[in-house]
């Protein structure tokens, strides 16, 4: 989650966002990440089975891996 929060988004060559679109996407991805973190915390306090929490957090891990792969593939984030 920390990696996704720090990076926010990656401007892929196929997407080619403008600077404003890129900043907006980074902001929105961080807001969604914080909302999902709140949901995970509330779910844990609500005695939701741990299996469900693992599956929910697994999505964050996949997102972080996808961001990292894209950054490593092209040698850095061109807009940061």
Protein backbone atom coordinates (compact mmCIF):
# COMPACT_ATOMS: atom_id res chain seq x y z
CA UNK A 1 0.00 0.00 0.00
CA UNK A 2 2.85 2.37 0.74
CA UNK A 3 4.31 1.90 -2.75
CA UNK A 4 0.97 2.63 -4.41
CA UNK A 5 0.47 5.68 -2.19
CA UNK A 6 3.91 7.08 -3.03
CA UNK A 7 3.81 6.43 -6.78
CA UNK A 8 0.06 6.96 -7.31
CA UNK A 9 0.02 6.30 -11.05
CA UNK A 10 2.32 5.62 -13.97
CA UNK A 11 1.96 7.44 -17.27
CA UNK A 12 2.25 4.64 -19.78
CA UNK A 13 3.17 5.46 -23.39
CA UNK A 14 -0.12 3.98 -24.57
CA UNK A 15 -2.12 6.24 -22.24
CA UNK A 16 -0.09 9.44 -22.72
CA UNK A 17 -1.85 11.65 -20.17
CA UNK A 18 -1.32 15.38 -20.04
CA UNK A 19 0.31 16.72 -16.88
CA UNK A 20 -3.08 17.72 -15.44
CA UNK A 21 -4.64 14.33 -16.22
CA UNK A 22 -1.66 12.57 -14.69
CA UNK A 23 -1.82 14.61 -11.48
CA UNK A 24 -5.59 14.10 -11.26
CA UNK A 25 -5.17 10.34 -11.68
CA UNK A 26 -2.50 10.21 -8.98
CA UNK A 27 -4.75 12.12 -6.59
CA UNK A 28 -7.73 9.90 -7.29
CA UNK A 29 -5.74 6.70 -6.90
CA UNK A 30 -4.50 7.87 -3.50
CA UNK A 31 -8.05 8.75 -2.41
CA UNK A 32 -9.29 5.31 -3.46
CA UNK A 33 -6.38 3.67 -1.65
CA UNK A 34 -7.19 5.54 1.56
CA UNK A 35 -10.87 4.61 1.26
CA UNK A 36 -9.97 0.96 0.82
CA UNK A 37 -7.62 1.15 3.80
CA UNK A 38 -10.46 2.51 5.94
CA UNK A 39 -12.69 -0.34 4.72
CA UNK A 40 -10.01 -2.88 5.66
CA UNK A 41 -9.64 -1.37 9.14
CA UNK A 42 -13.40 -1.28 9.73
CA UNK A 43 -13.72 -4.85 8.44
CA UNK A 44 -11.02 -6.03 10.81
CA UNK A 45 -12.69 -4.32 13.77
CA UNK A 46 -16.02 -5.83 12.69
CA UNK A 47 -14.67 -9.38 13.06
CA UNK A 48 -14.73 -10.14 9.34
CA UNK A 49 -12.86 -13.41 8.65
CA UNK A 50 -9.17 -12.89 7.94
CA UNK A 51 -9.47 -14.73 4.62
CA UNK A 52 -11.62 -11.93 3.21
CA UNK A 53 -9.15 -9.32 4.41
CA UNK A 54 -6.28 -11.15 2.70
CA UNK A 55 -8.16 -11.20 -0.60
CA UNK A 56 -8.95 -7.50 -0.29
CA UNK A 57 -5.34 -6.58 0.42
CA UNK A 58 -4.13 -8.88 -2.36
CA UNK A 59 -5.56 -6.41 -4.89
CA UNK A 60 -3.29 -3.69 -3.50
CA UNK A 61 -0.28 -5.96 -3.83
CA UNK A 62 -1.11 -6.76 -7.46
CA UNK A 63 -1.51 -3.06 -8.22
CA UNK A 64 1.87 -2.28 -6.65
CA UNK A 65 3.55 -5.05 -8.65
CA UNK A 66 1.99 -3.76 -11.88
CA UNK A 67 3.21 -0.22 -11.16
CA UNK A 68 6.69 -1.49 -10.35
CA UNK A 69 6.90 -3.62 -13.49
CA UNK A 70 5.88 -0.69 -15.68
CA UNK A 71 8.41 1.62 -14.02
CA UNK A 72 11.22 -0.91 -14.35
CA UNK A 73 10.27 -1.74 -17.95
CA UNK A 74 10.65 1.82 -19.15
CA UNK A 75 13.35 2.97 -16.78
CA UNK A 76 11.38 5.44 -14.67
CA UNK A 77 8.24 7.48 -14.52
CA UNK A 78 8.58 10.19 -17.18
CA UNK A 79 6.29 12.69 -15.43
CA UNK A 80 7.86 12.54 -11.98
